[in-house]
PDB file of all heavy atoms in Angstrom:
ATOM      1  N   SER A   1      16.401   5.493 -35.169  1.00  0.00           N
ATOM      2  CA  SER A   1      16.201   6.676 -34.347  1.00  0.00           C
ATOM      3  C   SER A   1      14.921   6.502 -33.478  1.00  0.00           C
ATOM      4  O   SER A   1      14.889   7.255 -32.478  1.00  0.00           O
ATOM      5  CB  SER A   1      15.877   7.880 -35.291  1.00  0.00           C
ATOM      6  OG  SER A   1      14.638   7.809 -36.045  1.00  0.00           O
ATOM      7  N   LEU A   2      14.020   5.604 -33.726  1.00  0.00           N
ATOM      8  CA  LEU A   2      12.955   5.357 -32.883  1.00  0.00           C
ATOM      9  C   LEU A   2      13.354   4.910 -31.438  1.00  0.00           C
ATOM     10  O   LEU A   2      12.694   5.214 -30.477  1.00  0.00           O
ATOM     11  CB  LEU A   2      11.991   4.320 -33.464  1.00  0.00           C
ATOM     12  CG  LEU A   2      11.057   4.777 -34.630  1.00  0.00           C
ATOM     13  CD1 LEU A   2      10.347   3.642 -35.200  1.00  0.00           C
ATOM     14  CD2 LEU A   2      10.058   5.826 -34.138  1.00  0.00           C
ATOM     15  N   TYR A   3      14.462   4.235 -31.426  1.00  0.00           N
ATOM     16  CA  TYR A   3      14.916   3.625 -30.177  1.00  0.00           C
ATOM     17  C   TYR A   3      15.318   4.648 -29.103  1.00  0.00           C
ATOM     18  O   TYR A   3      15.411   4.403 -27.986  1.00  0.00           O
ATOM     19  CB  TYR A   3      15.990   2.624 -30.442  1.00  0.00           C
ATOM     20  CG  TYR A   3      15.483   1.332 -31.023  1.00  0.00           C
ATOM     21  CD1 TYR A   3      15.264   1.350 -32.439  1.00  0.00           C
ATOM     22  CD2 TYR A   3      15.336   0.165 -30.392  1.00  0.00           C
ATOM     23  CE1 TYR A   3      14.751   0.281 -33.098  1.00  0.00           C
ATOM     24  CE2 TYR A   3      14.871  -1.002 -31.006  1.00  0.00           C
ATOM     25  CZ  TYR A   3      14.562  -0.929 -32.337  1.00  0.00           C
ATOM     26  OH  TYR A   3      14.125  -2.021 -33.048  1.00  0.00           O
ATOM     27  N   GLY A   4      15.649   5.918 -29.618  1.00  0.00           N
ATOM     28  CA  GLY A   4      16.076   6.883 -28.713  1.00  0.00           C
ATOM     29  C   GLY A   4      14.985   7.929 -28.332  1.00  0.00           C
ATOM     30  O   GLY A   4      15.251   8.916 -27.668  1.00  0.00           O
ATOM     31  N   LYS A   5      13.773   7.621 -28.816  1.00  0.00           N
ATOM     32  CA  LYS A   5      12.690   8.647 -28.560  1.00  0.00           C
ATOM     33  C   LYS A   5      12.042   8.655 -27.150  1.00  0.00           C
ATOM     34  O   LYS A   5      11.510   9.544 -26.745  1.00  0.00           O
ATOM     35  CB  LYS A   5      11.577   8.393 -29.646  1.00  0.00           C
ATOM     36  CG  LYS A   5      11.952   8.811 -31.037  1.00  0.00           C
ATOM     37  CD  LYS A   5      12.148  10.320 -31.076  1.00  0.00           C
ATOM     38  CE  LYS A   5      12.367  10.760 -32.589  1.00  0.00           C
ATOM     39  NZ  LYS A   5      12.524  12.238 -32.547  1.00  0.00           N
ATOM     40  N   GLY A   6      12.194   7.476 -26.547  1.00  0.00           N
ATOM     41  CA  GLY A   6      11.548   7.363 -25.281  1.00  0.00           C
ATOM     42  C   GLY A   6      10.015   7.285 -25.233  1.00  0.00           C
ATOM     43  O   GLY A   6       9.420   7.583 -24.220  1.00  0.00           O
ATOM     44  N   TRP A   7       9.414   6.959 -26.423  1.00  0.00           N
ATOM     45  CA  TRP A   7       8.014   6.902 -26.469  1.00  0.00           C
ATOM     46  C   TRP A   7       7.484   5.572 -26.033  1.00  0.00           C
ATOM     47  O   TRP A   7       8.260   4.584 -25.778  1.00  0.00           O
ATOM     48  CB  TRP A   7       7.587   7.061 -27.974  1.00  0.00           C
ATOM     49  CG  TRP A   7       7.762   8.519 -28.465  1.00  0.00           C
ATOM     50  CD1 TRP A   7       7.767   9.599 -27.788  1.00  0.00           C
ATOM     51  CD2 TRP A   7       7.924   8.789 -29.827  1.00  0.00           C
ATOM     52  NE1 TRP A   7       7.954  10.682 -28.590  1.00  0.00           N
ATOM     53  CE2 TRP A   7       8.062  10.276 -29.817  1.00  0.00           C
ATOM     54  CE3 TRP A   7       8.091   8.158 -31.090  1.00  0.00           C
ATOM     55  CZ2 TRP A   7       8.285  11.052 -30.977  1.00  0.00           C
ATOM     56  CZ3 TRP A   7       8.191   8.914 -32.180  1.00  0.00           C
ATOM     57  CH2 TRP A   7       8.368  10.268 -32.205  1.00  0.00           C
ATOM     58  N   ALA A   8       6.214   5.470 -25.766  1.00  0.00           N
ATOM     59  CA  ALA A   8       5.618   4.182 -25.309  1.00  0.00           C
ATOM     60  C   ALA A   8       5.809   3.125 -26.376  1.00  0.00           C
ATOM     61  O   ALA A   8       5.901   3.430 -27.588  1.00  0.00           O
ATOM     62  CB  ALA A   8       4.104   4.462 -25.071  1.00  0.00           C
ATOM     63  N   LYS A   9       5.886   1.937 -25.912  1.00  0.00           N
ATOM     64  CA  LYS A   9       6.105   0.793 -26.821  1.00  0.00           C
ATOM     65  C   LYS A   9       5.052   0.759 -27.824  1.00  0.00           C
ATOM     66  O   LYS A   9       5.323   0.468 -29.041  1.00  0.00           O
ATOM     67  CB  LYS A   9       6.142  -0.546 -26.019  1.00  0.00           C
ATOM     68  CG  LYS A   9       6.458  -1.747 -26.918  1.00  0.00           C
ATOM     69  CD  LYS A   9       6.617  -3.052 -26.040  1.00  0.00           C
ATOM     70  CE  LYS A   9       6.938  -4.174 -26.909  1.00  0.00           C
ATOM     71  NZ  LYS A   9       7.102  -5.460 -26.138  1.00  0.00           N
ATOM     72  N   SER A  10       3.805   1.036 -27.560  1.00  0.00           N
ATOM     73  CA  SER A  10       2.692   0.927 -28.522  1.00  0.00           C
ATOM     74  C   SER A  10       2.871   1.909 -29.572  1.00  0.00           C
ATOM     75  O   SER A  10       2.576   1.700 -30.783  1.00  0.00           O
ATOM     76  CB  SER A  10       1.337   1.136 -27.746  1.00  0.00           C
ATOM     77  OG  SER A  10       1.399   2.392 -27.136  1.00  0.00           O
ATOM     78  N   ARG A  11       3.414   3.148 -29.239  1.00  0.00           N
ATOM     79  CA  ARG A  11       3.603   4.223 -30.175  1.00  0.00           C
ATOM     80  C   ARG A  11       4.755   3.800 -31.220  1.00  0.00           C
ATOM     81  O   ARG A  11       4.694   3.956 -32.320  1.00  0.00           O
ATOM     82  CB  ARG A  11       3.934   5.475 -29.459  1.00  0.00           C
ATOM     83  CG  ARG A  11       4.330   6.676 -30.381  1.00  0.00           C
ATOM     84  CD  ARG A  11       3.343   7.035 -31.489  1.00  0.00           C
ATOM     85  NE  ARG A  11       2.016   7.216 -30.988  1.00  0.00           N
ATOM     86  CZ  ARG A  11       1.572   8.391 -30.533  1.00  0.00           C
ATOM     87  NH1 ARG A  11       2.276   9.432 -30.465  1.00  0.00           N
ATOM     88  NH2 ARG A  11       0.304   8.454 -30.171  1.00  0.00           N
ATOM     89  N   ILE A  12       5.832   3.238 -30.563  1.00  0.00           N
ATOM     90  CA  ILE A  12       6.955   2.779 -31.406  1.00  0.00           C
ATOM     91  C   ILE A  12       6.484   1.719 -32.433  1.00  0.00           C
ATOM     92  O   ILE A  12       6.808   1.798 -33.654  1.00  0.00           O
ATOM     93  CB  ILE A  12       8.067   2.211 -30.533  1.00  0.00           C
ATOM     94  CG1 ILE A  12       8.594   3.208 -29.560  1.00  0.00           C
ATOM     95  CG2 ILE A  12       9.138   1.565 -31.466  1.00  0.00           C
ATOM     96  CD1 ILE A  12       9.405   4.278 -30.199  1.00  0.00           C
ATOM     97  N   ILE A  13       5.689   0.804 -31.997  1.00  0.00           N
ATOM     98  CA  ILE A  13       5.166  -0.294 -32.909  1.00  0.00           C
ATOM     99  C   ILE A  13       4.293   0.366 -33.989  1.00  0.00           C
ATOM    100  O   ILE A  13       4.338  -0.088 -35.111  1.00  0.00           O
ATOM    101  CB  ILE A  13       4.506  -1.343 -32.102  1.00  0.00           C
ATOM    102  CG1 ILE A  13       5.428  -2.055 -31.248  1.00  0.00           C
ATOM    103  CG2 ILE A  13       3.729  -2.385 -33.039  1.00  0.00           C
ATOM    104  CD1 ILE A  13       4.817  -3.037 -30.207  1.00  0.00           C
ATOM    105  N   GLN A  14       3.467   1.359 -33.629  1.00  0.00           N
ATOM    106  CA  GLN A  14       2.616   1.900 -34.674  1.00  0.00           C
ATOM    107  C   GLN A  14       3.501   2.654 -35.744  1.00  0.00           C
ATOM    108  O   GLN A  14       3.216   2.519 -36.893  1.00  0.00           O
ATOM    109  CB  GLN A  14       1.709   3.005 -33.960  1.00  0.00           C
ATOM    110  CG  GLN A  14       0.568   2.398 -33.102  1.00  0.00           C
ATOM    111  CD  GLN A  14      -0.065   3.392 -32.199  1.00  0.00           C
ATOM    112  OE1 GLN A  14       0.439   4.522 -32.042  1.00  0.00           O
ATOM    113  NE2 GLN A  14      -1.207   3.105 -31.624  1.00  0.00           N
ATOM    114  N   LEU A  15       4.510   3.287 -35.280  1.00  0.00           N
ATOM    115  CA  LEU A  15       5.356   4.039 -36.253  1.00  0.00           C
ATOM    116  C   LEU A  15       6.135   3.010 -37.001  1.00  0.00           C
ATOM    117  O   LEU A  15       6.437   3.208 -38.258  1.00  0.00           O
ATOM    118  CB  LEU A  15       6.245   5.058 -35.543  1.00  0.00           C
ATOM    119  CG  LEU A  15       5.481   6.308 -35.060  1.00  0.00           C
ATOM    120  CD1 LEU A  15       6.374   6.976 -34.078  1.00  0.00           C
ATOM    121  CD2 LEU A  15       5.140   7.131 -36.247  1.00  0.00           C
ATOM    122  N   LEU A  16       6.600   1.920 -36.440  1.00  0.00           N
ATOM    123  CA  LEU A  16       7.331   0.909 -37.215  1.00  0.00           C
ATOM    124  C   LEU A  16       6.475   0.442 -38.403  1.00  0.00           C
ATOM    125  O   LEU A  16       6.869   0.215 -39.489  1.00  0.00           O
ATOM    126  CB  LEU A  16       7.628  -0.291 -36.226  1.00  0.00           C
ATOM    127  CG  LEU A  16       8.977  -0.252 -35.576  1.00  0.00           C
ATOM    128  CD1 LEU A  16       9.040  -1.313 -34.603  1.00  0.00           C
ATOM    129  CD2 LEU A  16      10.164  -0.247 -36.493  1.00  0.00           C
ATOM    130  N   ARG A  17       5.088   0.243 -38.041  1.00  0.00           N
ATOM    131  CA  ARG A  17       4.254  -0.293 -39.091  1.00  0.00           C
ATOM    132  C   ARG A  17       4.126   0.763 -40.196  1.00  0.00           C
ATOM    133  O   ARG A  17       4.157   0.396 -41.449  1.00  0.00           O
ATOM    134  CB  ARG A  17       2.954  -0.603 -38.507  1.00  0.00           C
ATOM    135  CG  ARG A  17       1.780  -0.977 -39.487  1.00  0.00           C
ATOM    136  CD  ARG A  17       0.545  -1.246 -38.697  1.00  0.00           C
ATOM    137  NE  ARG A  17      -0.594  -1.323 -39.630  1.00  0.00           N
ATOM    138  CZ  ARG A  17      -0.982  -2.549 -40.209  1.00  0.00           C
ATOM    139  NH1 ARG A  17      -0.298  -3.673 -39.871  1.00  0.00           N
ATOM    140  NH2 ARG A  17      -1.938  -2.616 -41.032  1.00  0.00           N
ATOM    141  N   ILE A  18       3.948   2.005 -39.848  1.00  0.00           N
ATOM    142  CA  ILE A  18       3.727   3.083 -40.842  1.00  0.00           C
ATOM    143  C   ILE A  18       5.040   3.213 -41.657  1.00  0.00           C
ATOM    144  O   ILE A  18       4.964   3.273 -42.961  1.00  0.00           O
ATOM    145  CB  ILE A  18       3.282   4.345 -40.146  1.00  0.00           C
ATOM    146  CG1 ILE A  18       1.992   4.263 -39.555  1.00  0.00           C
ATOM    147  CG2 ILE A  18       3.431   5.491 -41.148  1.00  0.00           C
ATOM    148  CD1 ILE A  18       1.623   5.291 -38.656  1.00  0.00           C
ATOM    149  N   ILE A  19       6.179   3.361 -41.086  1.00  0.00           N
ATOM    150  CA  ILE A  19       7.433   3.446 -41.781  1.00  0.00           C
ATOM    151  C   ILE A  19       7.700   2.240 -42.706  1.00  0.00           C
ATOM    152  O   ILE A  19       8.090   2.373 -43.821  1.00  0.00           O
ATOM    153  CB  ILE A  19       8.605   3.666 -40.840  1.00  0.00           C
ATOM    154  CG1 ILE A  19       8.467   5.013 -40.153  1.00  0.00           C
ATOM    155  CG2 ILE A  19       9.979   3.521 -41.537  1.00  0.00           C
ATOM    156  CD1 ILE A  19       9.511   5.214 -39.062  1.00  0.00           C
ATOM    157  N   ASP A  20       7.370   1.054 -42.195  1.00  0.00           N
ATOM    158  CA  ASP A  20       7.565  -0.176 -42.997  1.00  0.00           C
ATOM    159  C   ASP A  20       6.632  -0.222 -44.159  1.00  0.00           C
ATOM    160  O   ASP A  20       7.062  -0.624 -45.362  1.00  0.00           O
ATOM    161  CB  ASP A  20       7.342  -1.319 -42.090  1.00  0.00           C
ATOM    162  CG  ASP A  20       7.623  -2.729 -42.795  1.00  0.00           C
ATOM    163  OD1 ASP A  20       8.724  -2.984 -43.184  1.00  0.00           O
ATOM    164  OD2 ASP A  20       6.692  -3.405 -43.092  1.00  0.00           O
ATOM    165  N   TRP A  21       5.478   0.329 -44.001  1.00  0.00           N
ATOM    166  CA  TRP A  21       4.447   0.391 -45.083  1.00  0.00           C
ATOM    167  C   TRP A  21       4.962   1.404 -46.159  1.00  0.00           C
ATOM    168  O   TRP A  21       4.852   1.117 -47.394  1.00  0.00           O
ATOM    169  CB  TRP A  21       3.117   0.708 -44.467  1.00  0.00           C
ATOM    170  CG  TRP A  21       1.965   0.181 -45.246  1.00  0.00           C
ATOM    171  CD1 TRP A  21       1.834  -0.321 -46.466  1.00  0.00           C
ATOM    172  CD2 TRP A  21       0.606   0.009 -44.669  1.00  0.00           C
ATOM    173  NE1 TRP A  21       0.549  -0.740 -46.724  1.00  0.00           N
ATOM    174  CE2 TRP A  21      -0.189  -0.490 -45.637  1.00  0.00           C
ATOM    175  CE3 TRP A  21       0.070   0.319 -43.443  1.00  0.00           C
ATOM    176  CZ2 TRP A  21      -1.511  -0.816 -45.446  1.00  0.00           C
ATOM    177  CZ3 TRP A  21      -1.318   0.036 -43.208  1.00  0.00           C
ATOM    178  CH2 TRP A  21      -2.032  -0.568 -44.229  1.00  0.00           C
ATOM    179  N   LEU A  22       5.340   2.476 -45.723  1.00  0.00           N
ATOM    180  CA  LEU A  22       5.698   3.501 -46.636  1.00  0.00           C
ATOM    181  C   LEU A  22       7.030   3.160 -47.430  1.00  0.00           C
ATOM    182  O   LEU A  22       7.126   3.229 -48.663  1.00  0.00           O
ATOM    183  CB  LEU A  22       6.006   4.898 -45.957  1.00  0.00           C
ATOM    184  CG  LEU A  22       4.814   5.897 -45.722  1.00  0.00           C
ATOM    185  CD1 LEU A  22       5.246   6.922 -44.806  1.00  0.00           C
ATOM    186  CD2 LEU A  22       4.454   6.365 -47.039  1.00  0.00           C
ATOM    187  N   MET A  23       7.998   2.701 -46.709  1.00  0.00           N
ATOM    188  CA  MET A  23       9.350   2.564 -47.293  1.00  0.00           C
ATOM    189  C   MET A  23       9.550   1.074 -47.726  1.00  0.00           C
ATOM    190  O   MET A  23      10.459   0.421 -47.201  1.00  0.00           O
ATOM    191  CB  MET A  23      10.446   3.006 -46.343  1.00  0.00           C
ATOM    192  CG  MET A  23      10.215   4.405 -45.872  1.00  0.00           C
ATOM    193  SD  MET A  23      11.561   5.079 -44.924  1.00  0.00           S
ATOM    194  CE  MET A  23      12.799   5.383 -46.097  1.00  0.00           C
ATOM    195  N   ALA A  24       8.787   0.673 -48.692  1.00  0.00           N
ATOM    196  CA  ALA A  24       8.897  -0.711 -49.196  1.00  0.00           C
ATOM    197  C   ALA A  24      10.280  -1.118 -49.809  1.00  0.00           C
ATOM    198  O   ALA A  24      10.805  -0.270 -50.487  1.00  0.00           O
ATOM    199  CB  ALA A  24       7.838  -0.962 -50.252  1.00  0.00           C
ATOM    200  N   LEU A  25      10.760  -2.260 -49.432  1.00  0.00           N
ATOM    201  CA  LEU A  25      12.012  -2.822 -49.858  1.00  0.00           C
ATOM    202  C   LEU A  25      11.916  -4.122 -50.609  1.00  0.00           C
ATOM    203  O   LEU A  25      10.886  -4.851 -50.254  1.00  0.00           O
ATOM    204  CB  LEU A  25      13.010  -2.926 -48.712  1.00  0.00           C
ATOM    205  CG  LEU A  25      13.505  -1.637 -48.103  1.00  0.00           C
ATOM    206  CD1 LEU A  25      14.258  -2.035 -46.794  1.00  0.00           C
ATOM    207  CD2 LEU A  25      14.448  -0.915 -49.040  1.00  0.00           C
ATOM    208  N   PRO A  26      12.787  -4.488 -51.506  1.00  0.00           N
ATOM    209  CA  PRO A  26      12.802  -5.824 -52.054  1.00  0.00           C
ATOM    210  C   PRO A  26      13.027  -6.863 -50.892  1.00  0.00           C
ATOM    211  O   PRO A  26      13.607  -6.527 -49.821  1.00  0.00           O
ATOM    212  CB  PRO A  26      14.033  -5.865 -52.973  1.00  0.00           C
ATOM    213  CG  PRO A  26      14.271  -4.378 -53.285  1.00  0.00           C
ATOM    214  CD  PRO A  26      13.874  -3.660 -52.032  1.00  0.00           C
ATOM    215  N   PRO A  27      12.486  -8.089 -51.099  1.00  0.00           N
ATOM    216  CA  PRO A  27      12.555  -9.070 -49.985  1.00  0.00           C
ATOM    217  C   PRO A  27      13.922  -9.336 -49.317  1.00  0.00           C
ATOM    218  O   PRO A  27      13.972  -9.420 -48.133  1.00  0.00           O
ATOM    219  CB  PRO A  27      12.076 -10.414 -50.671  1.00  0.00           C
ATOM    220  CG  PRO A  27      11.223  -9.859 -51.765  1.00  0.00           C
ATOM    221  CD  PRO A  27      11.871  -8.601 -52.278  1.00  0.00           C
ATOM    222  N   HIS A  28      14.925  -9.393 -50.143  1.00  0.00           N
ATOM    223  CA  HIS A  28      16.248  -9.700 -49.564  1.00  0.00           C
ATOM    224  C   HIS A  28      16.796  -8.513 -48.743  1.00  0.00           C
ATOM    225  O   HIS A  28      17.430  -8.761 -47.660  1.00  0.00           O
ATOM    226  CB  HIS A  28      17.268 -10.048 -50.687  1.00  0.00           C
ATOM    227  CG  HIS A  28      17.699  -8.904 -51.614  1.00  0.00           C
ATOM    228  ND1 HIS A  28      16.753  -8.399 -52.525  1.00  0.00           N
ATOM    229  CD2 HIS A  28      18.734  -8.174 -51.589  1.00  0.00           C
ATOM    230  CE1 HIS A  28      17.430  -7.404 -53.194  1.00  0.00           C
ATOM    231  NE2 HIS A  28      18.569  -7.234 -52.648  1.00  0.00           N
ATOM    232  N   LEU A  29      16.482  -7.352 -49.116  1.00  0.00           N
ATOM    233  CA  LEU A  29      16.873  -6.191 -48.324  1.00  0.00           C
ATOM    234  C   LEU A  29      16.020  -6.064 -47.081  1.00  0.00           C
ATOM    235  O   LEU A  29      16.526  -5.711 -45.990  1.00  0.00           O
ATOM    236  CB  LEU A  29      16.799  -4.854 -49.120  1.00  0.00           C
ATOM    237  CG  LEU A  29      17.854  -4.769 -50.204  1.00  0.00           C
ATOM    238  CD1 LEU A  29      17.738  -3.403 -50.955  1.00  0.00           C
ATOM    239  CD2 LEU A  29      19.271  -4.824 -49.634  1.00  0.00           C
ATOM    240  N   GLU A  30      14.796  -6.307 -47.124  1.00  0.00           N
ATOM    241  CA  GLU A  30      13.847  -6.397 -46.009  1.00  0.00           C
ATOM    242  C   GLU A  30      14.319  -7.374 -45.002  1.00  0.00           C
ATOM    243  O   GLU A  30      14.348  -7.055 -43.764  1.00  0.00           O
ATOM    244  CB  GLU A  30      12.439  -6.708 -46.437  1.00  0.00           C
ATOM    245  CG  GLU A  30      11.449  -6.402 -45.405  1.00  0.00           C
ATOM    246  CD  GLU A  30      11.306  -4.959 -45.077  1.00  0.00           C
ATOM    247  OE1 GLU A  30      11.102  -4.090 -45.968  1.00  0.00           O
ATOM    248  OE2 GLU A  30      11.532  -4.626 -43.852  1.00  0.00           O
ATOM    249  N   GLN A  31      14.716  -8.523 -45.391  1.00  0.00           N
ATOM    250  CA  GLN A  31      15.243  -9.562 -44.498  1.00  0.00           C
ATOM    251  C   GLN A  31      16.519  -9.142 -43.816  1.00  0.00           C
ATOM    252  O   GLN A  31      16.674  -9.274 -42.630  1.00  0.00           O
ATOM    253  CB  GLN A  31      15.484 -10.916 -45.248  1.00  0.00           C
ATOM    254  CG  GLN A  31      15.839 -12.039 -44.364  1.00  0.00           C
ATOM    255  CD  GLN A  31      16.097 -13.324 -45.113  1.00  0.00           C
ATOM    256  OE1 GLN A  31      15.992 -13.325 -46.385  1.00  0.00           O
ATOM    257  NE2 GLN A  31      16.427 -14.359 -44.458  1.00  0.00           N
ATOM    258  N   SER A  32      17.465  -8.486 -44.654  1.00  0.00           N
ATOM    259  CA  SER A  32      18.628  -7.940 -44.040  1.00  0.00           C
ATOM    260  C   SER A  32      18.389  -6.902 -43.004  1.00  0.00           C
ATOM    261  O   SER A  32      18.985  -6.900 -41.900  1.00  0.00           O
ATOM    262  CB  SER A  32      19.576  -7.384 -45.114  1.00  0.00           C
ATOM    263  OG  SER A  32      20.656  -6.818 -44.616  1.00  0.00           O
ATOM    264  N   LEU A  33      17.438  -6.025 -43.267  1.00  0.00           N
ATOM    265  CA  LEU A  33      17.069  -4.959 -42.435  1.00  0.00           C
ATOM    266  C   LEU A  33      16.505  -5.544 -41.044  1.00  0.00           C
ATOM    267  O   LEU A  33      17.036  -5.099 -39.937  1.00  0.00           O
ATOM    268  CB  LEU A  33      16.067  -4.029 -42.956  1.00  0.00           C
ATOM    269  CG  LEU A  33      15.601  -2.843 -42.099  1.00  0.00           C
ATOM    270  CD1 LEU A  33      16.758  -1.810 -41.911  1.00  0.00           C
ATOM    271  CD2 LEU A  33      14.342  -2.166 -42.751  1.00  0.00           C
ATOM    272  N   ARG A  34      15.689  -6.465 -41.180  1.00  0.00           N
ATOM    273  CA  ARG A  34      15.124  -7.080 -39.888  1.00  0.00           C
ATOM    274  C   ARG A  34      16.171  -7.774 -39.148  1.00  0.00           C
ATOM    275  O   ARG A  34      16.140  -7.666 -37.832  1.00  0.00           O
ATOM    276  CB  ARG A  34      14.001  -8.145 -40.306  1.00  0.00           C
ATOM    277  CG  ARG A  34      12.778  -7.586 -40.996  1.00  0.00           C
ATOM    278  CD  ARG A  34      12.049  -6.524 -40.083  1.00  0.00           C
ATOM    279  NE  ARG A  34      11.025  -5.908 -40.814  1.00  0.00           N
ATOM    280  CZ  ARG A  34       9.724  -6.347 -40.755  1.00  0.00           C
ATOM    281  NH1 ARG A  34       9.453  -7.333 -40.153  1.00  0.00           N
ATOM    282  NH2 ARG A  34       8.837  -5.572 -41.498  1.00  0.00           N
TER     283      ARG A  34
END
């Protein structure tokens, strides 16, 4: 959903970091998601 927000790239990256930090996944699922 972040890709449709039209926010600045720096803001998108900040939120990616926060969401990634909050929503921890096992390594194999994290790799699949990436």
